[in-house]
Structures are given as C-alpha cells and as structure tokens.
Amino acid sequence: MERETDKNALVLKADENIGAVQIADDVVAMIASLAATDVDGVSAMAGNITNELMSRVGVKNLTKGVRVAVQEDNVRVDLAVLLEYGYNIPATCQQVQRKVKSAIENMTGLNCSDVNIRILGITNKKDN
C-alpha cells in the first residue's frame, strides 16, 4: 500500500502489525546527487546562493542543486550541475539521466518519470 503521509515523505509499505516504511524526499535527492556526481564529466552539483553561503559557514548540504517532486509512486528530479571542460555535453547529460533514474528506481522502488538537467557552468578538469 503506497500513500503519501505528508509533503516530505512517502509511505512505501504500511502494515498494521509491523509498521511502515517511509522515504523522505531528501533521501531521494541525495541518491540523485550521488548518482549524478559519479558520472565522468560532472564536476559538481550547483546550488543557489543560499546553499553557497551556508556551505561557506560550515553547513554542508548534500542535496544542493537537486529538486525532487514525489507524486504517488512517480518521482521527478531537477538537477543543476557544473560540467567539466572537454566532455560532450549531450552524451554526459544522457548518462547522468540514465544513472540517476536507475539509482532511484533500484534503491527506492519508485518510478522515476523525469530527470531534468540544467547546466550552470563549465569548470576545468579535476586534478587526478
């Protein structure tokens, strides 16, 4: 039985005898962020000015640059990324979309209907 309990969590299984399993939107956002940054050519997730200021004072937000909308059992993800110079942008974005969709579906059991990517900039390649 799937039902939404509130704006920030989705109940996957509710059993009156045992309990309920809930997945918070932030967990789905973190899965998306980790999957996206694991793709070659993605330099970092990009956040808004509030996220950037908070990270400078020591508050780390692992879901910066990720917006998740969960409706019933469908997930829509919006990512803001910085790409590395020298990578094919369409191919890299397609790989990010496939990896994020696969990670969310495999880890949560939810259907990932959309993975939208907004490229906010290009950076120099990471030093190895």
N, C-alpha and C. Protein backbone atom coordinates (compact mmCIF):
# COMPACT_ATOMS: atom_id res chain seq x y z
N MET A 1 0.85 -1.16 0.00
CA MET A 1 0.00 0.00 0.00
C MET A 1 0.90 1.22 0.00
N GLU A 2 0.78 2.04 -1.04
CA GLU A 2 1.57 3.26 -1.12
C GLU A 2 0.64 4.44 -0.92
N ARG A 3 1.07 5.34 -0.05
CA ARG A 3 0.30 6.56 0.14
C ARG A 3 1.23 7.63 0.67
N GLU A 4 0.89 8.86 0.39
CA GLU A 4 1.72 9.96 0.83
C GLU A 4 1.22 10.42 2.20
N THR A 5 2.16 10.53 3.17
CA THR A 5 1.76 10.95 4.51
C THR A 5 1.83 12.45 4.66
N ASP A 6 2.85 13.05 4.12
CA ASP A 6 2.97 14.49 4.15
C ASP A 6 3.81 14.91 2.96
N LYS A 7 4.14 16.19 2.91
CA LYS A 7 4.84 16.73 1.76
C LYS A 7 6.26 16.16 1.61
N ASN A 8 6.88 15.72 2.69
CA ASN A 8 8.28 15.35 2.66
C ASN A 8 8.56 13.86 2.80
N ALA A 9 7.55 13.02 2.82
CA ALA A 9 7.81 11.58 2.97
C ALA A 9 6.72 10.79 2.28
N LEU A 10 7.11 9.63 1.79
CA LEU A 10 6.18 8.73 1.12
C LEU A 10 6.22 7.40 1.85
N VAL A 11 5.05 6.87 2.19
CA VAL A 11 4.97 5.57 2.84
C VAL A 11 4.98 4.50 1.76
N LEU A 12 5.98 3.61 1.82
CA LEU A 12 6.07 2.54 0.84
C LEU A 12 5.20 1.36 1.23
N LYS A 13 5.32 0.91 2.46
CA LYS A 13 4.55 -0.23 2.92
C LYS A 13 4.00 0.08 4.30
N ALA A 14 2.73 -0.10 4.45
CA ALA A 14 2.11 0.10 5.75
C ALA A 14 1.46 -1.22 6.16
N ASP A 15 1.91 -1.76 7.25
CA ASP A 15 1.37 -2.98 7.80
C ASP A 15 1.03 -2.71 9.26
N GLU A 16 -0.23 -2.83 9.60
CA GLU A 16 -0.67 -2.50 10.94
C GLU A 16 0.03 -3.34 12.01
N ASN A 17 0.46 -4.55 11.66
CA ASN A 17 1.10 -5.42 12.63
C ASN A 17 2.57 -5.09 12.84
N ILE A 18 3.23 -4.60 11.80
CA ILE A 18 4.67 -4.39 11.88
C ILE A 18 5.04 -2.91 11.95
N GLY A 19 4.51 -2.11 11.04
CA GLY A 19 4.85 -0.70 10.98
C GLY A 19 4.84 -0.22 9.54
N ALA A 20 5.52 0.89 9.30
CA ALA A 20 5.52 1.50 7.98
C ALA A 20 6.94 1.87 7.57
N VAL A 21 7.20 1.86 6.27
CA VAL A 21 8.47 2.30 5.71
C VAL A 21 8.21 3.60 4.98
N GLN A 22 8.95 4.65 5.37
CA GLN A 22 8.80 5.95 4.74
C GLN A 22 10.12 6.37 4.12
N ILE A 23 10.04 7.01 2.97
CA ILE A 23 11.24 7.56 2.32
C ILE A 23 11.04 9.07 2.22
N ALA A 24 11.94 9.82 2.84
CA ALA A 24 11.87 11.28 2.79
C ALA A 24 12.37 11.77 1.43
N ASP A 25 11.85 12.91 1.00
CA ASP A 25 12.27 13.49 -0.26
C ASP A 25 13.77 13.76 -0.28
N ASP A 26 14.33 14.14 0.88
CA ASP A 26 15.77 14.42 0.95
C ASP A 26 16.60 13.17 0.65
N VAL A 27 16.09 12.01 1.00
CA VAL A 27 16.81 10.76 0.72
C VAL A 27 16.85 10.53 -0.79
N VAL A 28 15.74 10.74 -1.46
CA VAL A 28 15.69 10.58 -2.91
C VAL A 28 16.61 11.61 -3.57
N ALA A 29 16.63 12.83 -3.04
CA ALA A 29 17.50 13.88 -3.58
C ALA A 29 18.97 13.52 -3.39
N MET A 30 19.31 12.93 -2.25
CA MET A 30 20.69 12.54 -2.01
C MET A 30 21.12 11.41 -2.95
N ILE A 31 20.23 10.45 -3.19
CA ILE A 31 20.52 9.37 -4.13
C ILE A 31 20.79 9.96 -5.51
N ALA A 32 19.97 10.92 -5.94
CA ALA A 32 20.14 11.55 -7.25
C ALA A 32 21.46 12.31 -7.32
N SER A 33 21.80 13.03 -6.27
CA SER A 33 23.03 13.81 -6.25
C SER A 33 24.26 12.92 -6.32
N LEU A 34 24.28 11.84 -5.53
CA LEU A 34 25.42 10.93 -5.54
C LEU A 34 25.56 10.23 -6.89
N ALA A 35 24.44 9.84 -7.49
CA ALA A 35 24.49 9.18 -8.80
C ALA A 35 25.00 10.13 -9.88
N ALA A 36 24.55 11.38 -9.84
CA ALA A 36 24.95 12.37 -10.85
C ALA A 36 26.43 12.69 -10.76
N THR A 37 26.95 12.88 -9.55
CA THR A 37 28.35 13.25 -9.41
C THR A 37 29.29 12.07 -9.67
N ASP A 38 28.75 10.87 -9.77
CA ASP A 38 29.54 9.69 -10.07
C ASP A 38 29.83 9.55 -11.57
N VAL A 39 29.18 10.36 -12.39
CA VAL A 39 29.35 10.30 -13.85
C VAL A 39 30.58 11.12 -14.25
N ASP A 40 31.44 10.53 -15.10
CA ASP A 40 32.60 11.27 -15.61
C ASP A 40 32.11 12.48 -16.40
N GLY A 41 32.71 13.63 -16.12
CA GLY A 41 32.34 14.86 -16.80
C GLY A 41 31.51 15.78 -15.94
N VAL A 42 30.93 15.26 -14.85
CA VAL A 42 30.18 16.10 -13.92
C VAL A 42 31.15 16.55 -12.84
N SER A 43 31.35 17.85 -12.77
CA SER A 43 32.30 18.40 -11.81
C SER A 43 31.69 18.48 -10.42
N ALA A 44 30.47 19.02 -10.34
CA ALA A 44 29.81 19.18 -9.04
C ALA A 44 28.35 19.52 -9.26
N MET A 45 27.59 19.40 -8.17
CA MET A 45 26.22 19.89 -8.19
C MET A 45 26.29 21.38 -7.89
N ALA A 46 25.41 22.15 -8.48
CA ALA A 46 25.41 23.59 -8.28
C ALA A 46 24.17 23.97 -7.51
N GLY A 47 24.34 24.76 -6.49
CA GLY A 47 23.21 25.20 -5.68
C GLY A 47 22.91 26.66 -5.92
N ASN A 48 21.89 27.11 -5.21
CA ASN A 48 21.56 28.53 -5.30
C ASN A 48 22.43 29.31 -4.33
N ILE A 49 22.26 30.61 -4.26
CA ILE A 49 23.10 31.46 -3.43
C ILE A 49 22.98 31.12 -1.95
N THR A 50 21.81 30.70 -1.50
CA THR A 50 21.64 30.31 -0.10
C THR A 50 22.48 29.10 0.23
N ASN A 51 22.47 28.09 -0.63
CA ASN A 51 23.29 26.90 -0.41
C ASN A 51 24.77 27.24 -0.39
N GLU A 52 25.20 28.13 -1.28
CA GLU A 52 26.61 28.51 -1.34
C GLU A 52 27.03 29.23 -0.07
N LEU A 53 26.19 30.13 0.43
CA LEU A 53 26.53 30.85 1.66
C LEU A 53 26.56 29.92 2.86
N MET A 54 25.61 28.99 2.93
CA MET A 54 25.56 28.05 4.04
C MET A 54 26.78 27.13 4.04
N SER A 55 27.26 26.74 2.86
CA SER A 55 28.42 25.85 2.82
C SER A 55 29.68 26.59 3.25
N ARG A 56 29.73 27.89 3.07
CA ARG A 56 30.90 28.66 3.50
C ARG A 56 30.98 28.81 5.01
N VAL A 57 29.84 28.76 5.69
CA VAL A 57 29.86 28.86 7.15
C VAL A 57 29.88 27.49 7.80
N GLY A 58 30.07 26.45 7.00
CA GLY A 58 30.27 25.12 7.56
C GLY A 58 29.07 24.20 7.51
N VAL A 59 27.94 24.67 7.03
CA VAL A 59 26.76 23.81 6.93
C VAL A 59 26.76 23.18 5.55
N LYS A 60 26.99 21.89 5.48
CA LYS A 60 27.05 21.19 4.19
C LYS A 60 25.67 20.66 3.84
N ASN A 61 25.28 20.87 2.61
CA ASN A 61 24.00 20.37 2.13
C ASN A 61 24.29 19.38 1.01
N LEU A 62 24.12 18.09 1.28
CA LEU A 62 24.43 17.06 0.30
C LEU A 62 23.44 17.03 -0.86
N THR A 63 22.33 17.72 -0.73
CA THR A 63 21.33 17.69 -1.79
C THR A 63 21.27 19.02 -2.55
N LYS A 64 22.32 19.82 -2.48
CA LYS A 64 22.28 21.10 -3.19
C LYS A 64 22.22 20.85 -4.69
N GLY A 65 21.47 21.68 -5.38
CA GLY A 65 21.34 21.53 -6.81
C GLY A 65 20.35 20.46 -7.24
N VAL A 66 19.61 19.90 -6.27
CA VAL A 66 18.65 18.84 -6.59
C VAL A 66 17.28 19.23 -6.06
N ARG A 67 16.29 19.11 -6.91
CA ARG A 67 14.90 19.32 -6.50
C ARG A 67 14.14 18.06 -6.87
N VAL A 68 13.39 17.53 -5.91
CA VAL A 68 12.66 16.28 -6.11
C VAL A 68 11.18 16.51 -5.87
N ALA A 69 10.35 15.99 -6.76
CA ALA A 69 8.90 16.03 -6.57
C ALA A 69 8.40 14.59 -6.63
N VAL A 70 7.82 14.14 -5.52
CA VAL A 70 7.28 12.78 -5.45
C VAL A 70 5.77 12.88 -5.45
N GLN A 71 5.14 12.27 -6.45
CA GLN A 71 3.68 12.24 -6.54
C GLN A 71 3.27 10.79 -6.74
N GLU A 72 2.53 10.28 -5.77
CA GLU A 72 2.15 8.87 -5.72
C GLU A 72 3.41 8.03 -5.79
N ASP A 73 3.62 7.25 -6.84
CA ASP A 73 4.85 6.46 -6.91
C ASP A 73 5.77 6.94 -8.03
N ASN A 74 5.55 8.17 -8.51
CA ASN A 74 6.40 8.77 -9.54
C ASN A 74 7.29 9.85 -8.93
N VAL A 75 8.53 9.89 -9.41
CA VAL A 75 9.50 10.88 -8.95
C VAL A 75 9.94 11.72 -10.13
N ARG A 76 9.97 13.03 -9.93
CA ARG A 76 10.51 13.94 -10.94
C ARG A 76 11.71 14.64 -10.31
N VAL A 77 12.85 14.61 -10.98
CA VAL A 77 14.09 15.16 -10.44
C VAL A 77 14.57 16.29 -11.34
N ASP A 78 14.94 17.41 -10.72
CA ASP A 78 15.57 18.53 -11.42
C ASP A 78 16.96 18.70 -10.85
N LEU A 79 17.98 18.65 -11.71
CA LEU A 79 19.37 18.76 -11.28
C LEU A 79 20.01 20.00 -11.87
N ALA A 80 20.82 20.68 -11.07
CA ALA A 80 21.64 21.80 -11.54
C ALA A 80 23.09 21.37 -11.37
N VAL A 81 23.83 21.27 -12.48
CA VAL A 81 25.18 20.71 -12.44
C VAL A 81 26.21 21.64 -13.07
N LEU A 82 27.45 21.41 -12.66
CA LEU A 82 28.62 22.01 -13.31
C LEU A 82 29.33 20.88 -14.03
N LEU A 83 29.61 21.07 -15.31
CA LEU A 83 30.29 20.05 -16.10
C LEU A 83 31.76 20.42 -16.28
N GLU A 84 32.58 19.41 -16.54
CA GLU A 84 33.99 19.62 -16.79
C GLU A 84 34.21 19.95 -18.26
N TYR A 85 35.18 20.80 -18.52
CA TYR A 85 35.53 21.18 -19.88
C TYR A 85 36.06 19.96 -20.64
N GLY A 86 35.67 19.83 -21.90
CA GLY A 86 36.19 18.78 -22.75
C GLY A 86 35.28 17.59 -22.92
N TYR A 87 34.19 17.52 -22.18
CA TYR A 87 33.26 16.40 -22.29
C TYR A 87 32.10 16.78 -23.21
N ASN A 88 31.57 15.81 -23.92
CA ASN A 88 30.43 16.01 -24.78
C ASN A 88 29.20 16.26 -23.90
N ILE A 89 28.60 17.42 -24.01
CA ILE A 89 27.51 17.81 -23.12
C ILE A 89 26.28 16.92 -23.29
N PRO A 90 25.76 16.70 -24.51
CA PRO A 90 24.58 15.83 -24.63
C PRO A 90 24.83 14.40 -24.13
N ALA A 91 25.99 13.83 -24.46
CA ALA A 91 26.28 12.46 -24.03
C ALA A 91 26.42 12.37 -22.52
N THR A 92 27.07 13.35 -21.91
CA THR A 92 27.22 13.36 -20.45
C THR A 92 25.87 13.51 -19.77
N CYS A 93 25.03 14.37 -20.28
CA CYS A 93 23.70 14.57 -19.68
C CYS A 93 22.84 13.31 -19.82
N GLN A 94 22.92 12.63 -20.94
CA GLN A 94 22.17 11.38 -21.11
C GLN A 94 22.65 10.32 -20.12
N GLN A 95 23.96 10.27 -19.91
CA GLN A 95 24.50 9.31 -18.95
C GLN A 95 24.04 9.65 -17.53
N VAL A 96 24.01 10.94 -17.19
CA VAL A 96 23.51 11.36 -15.87
C VAL A 96 22.05 10.97 -15.72
N GLN A 97 21.25 11.22 -16.74
CA GLN A 97 19.83 10.88 -16.68
C GLN A 97 19.62 9.38 -16.47
N ARG A 98 20.35 8.56 -17.21
CA ARG A 98 20.22 7.11 -17.06
C ARG A 98 20.66 6.66 -15.66
N LYS A 99 21.77 7.19 -15.18
CA LYS A 99 22.31 6.74 -13.90
C LYS A 99 21.41 7.17 -12.74
N VAL A 100 20.90 8.40 -12.78
CA VAL A 100 20.02 8.89 -11.71
C VAL A 100 18.72 8.11 -11.71
N LYS A 101 18.13 7.90 -12.89
CA LYS A 101 16.89 7.14 -13.00
C LYS A 101 17.07 5.73 -12.45
N SER A 102 18.15 5.07 -12.86
CA SER A 102 18.43 3.71 -12.42
C SER A 102 18.64 3.64 -10.91
N ALA A 103 19.41 4.57 -10.35
CA ALA A 103 19.69 4.56 -8.92
C ALA A 103 18.42 4.76 -8.10
N ILE A 104 17.59 5.70 -8.49
CA ILE A 104 16.35 5.96 -7.75
C ILE A 104 15.42 4.76 -7.82
N GLU A 105 15.25 4.21 -9.01
CA GLU A 105 14.33 3.08 -9.17
C GLU A 105 14.83 1.83 -8.45
N ASN A 106 16.14 1.58 -8.49
CA ASN A 106 16.69 0.39 -7.83
C ASN A 106 16.69 0.52 -6.31
N MET A 107 16.95 1.70 -5.80
CA MET A 107 17.08 1.86 -4.35
C MET A 107 15.75 2.10 -3.64
N THR A 108 14.79 2.71 -4.32
CA THR A 108 13.53 3.06 -3.66
C THR A 108 12.33 2.26 -4.15
N GLY A 109 12.41 1.72 -5.36
CA GLY A 109 11.26 1.04 -5.93
C GLY A 109 10.25 1.99 -6.55
N LEU A 110 10.54 3.28 -6.52
CA LEU A 110 9.66 4.28 -7.13
C LEU A 110 9.98 4.39 -8.62
N ASN A 111 9.04 4.87 -9.41
CA ASN A 111 9.24 5.10 -10.82
C ASN A 111 9.76 6.52 -11.02
N CYS A 112 10.89 6.64 -11.69
CA CYS A 112 11.46 7.96 -11.97
C CYS A 112 11.01 8.37 -13.37
N SER A 113 10.05 9.29 -13.42
CA SER A 113 9.46 9.67 -14.70
C SER A 113 10.29 10.70 -15.46
N ASP A 114 10.93 11.65 -14.76
CA ASP A 114 11.70 12.71 -15.41
C ASP A 114 12.99 12.97 -14.66
N VAL A 115 14.06 13.17 -15.41
CA VAL A 115 15.32 13.67 -14.85
C VAL A 115 15.71 14.85 -15.73
N ASN A 116 15.45 16.05 -15.23
CA ASN A 116 15.74 17.27 -15.97
C ASN A 116 17.07 17.85 -15.49
N ILE A 117 17.93 18.23 -16.43
CA ILE A 117 19.25 18.74 -16.10
C ILE A 117 19.39 20.17 -16.59
N ARG A 118 19.89 21.02 -15.70
CA ARG A 118 20.21 22.41 -16.05
C ARG A 118 21.71 22.58 -15.83
N ILE A 119 22.43 22.96 -16.87
CA ILE A 119 23.87 23.14 -16.77
C ILE A 119 24.13 24.60 -16.40
N LEU A 120 24.77 24.79 -15.25
CA LEU A 120 25.02 26.14 -14.76
C LEU A 120 26.41 26.65 -15.07
N GLY A 121 27.29 25.77 -15.54
CA GLY A 121 28.62 26.23 -15.86
C GLY A 121 29.55 25.10 -16.27
N ILE A 122 30.74 25.51 -16.72
CA ILE A 122 31.78 24.59 -17.14
C ILE A 122 33.01 24.90 -16.27
N THR A 123 33.65 23.84 -15.77
CA THR A 123 34.85 24.02 -14.95
C THR A 123 36.03 23.33 -15.63
N ASN A 124 37.24 23.63 -15.15
CA ASN A 124 38.42 22.92 -15.62
C ASN A 124 38.36 21.48 -15.12
N LYS A 125 39.06 20.58 -15.80
CA LYS A 125 39.06 19.17 -15.39
C LYS A 125 39.63 19.04 -13.99
N LYS A 126 39.11 18.01 -13.27
CA LYS A 126 39.60 17.72 -11.93
C LYS A 126 41.04 17.27 -11.99
N ASP A 127 41.82 17.65 -11.00
CA ASP A 127 43.19 17.17 -10.91
C ASP A 127 43.21 15.76 -10.38
N ASN A 128 43.91 14.87 -11.04
CA ASN A 128 43.98 13.47 -10.59
C ASN A 128 45.25 13.21 -9.82
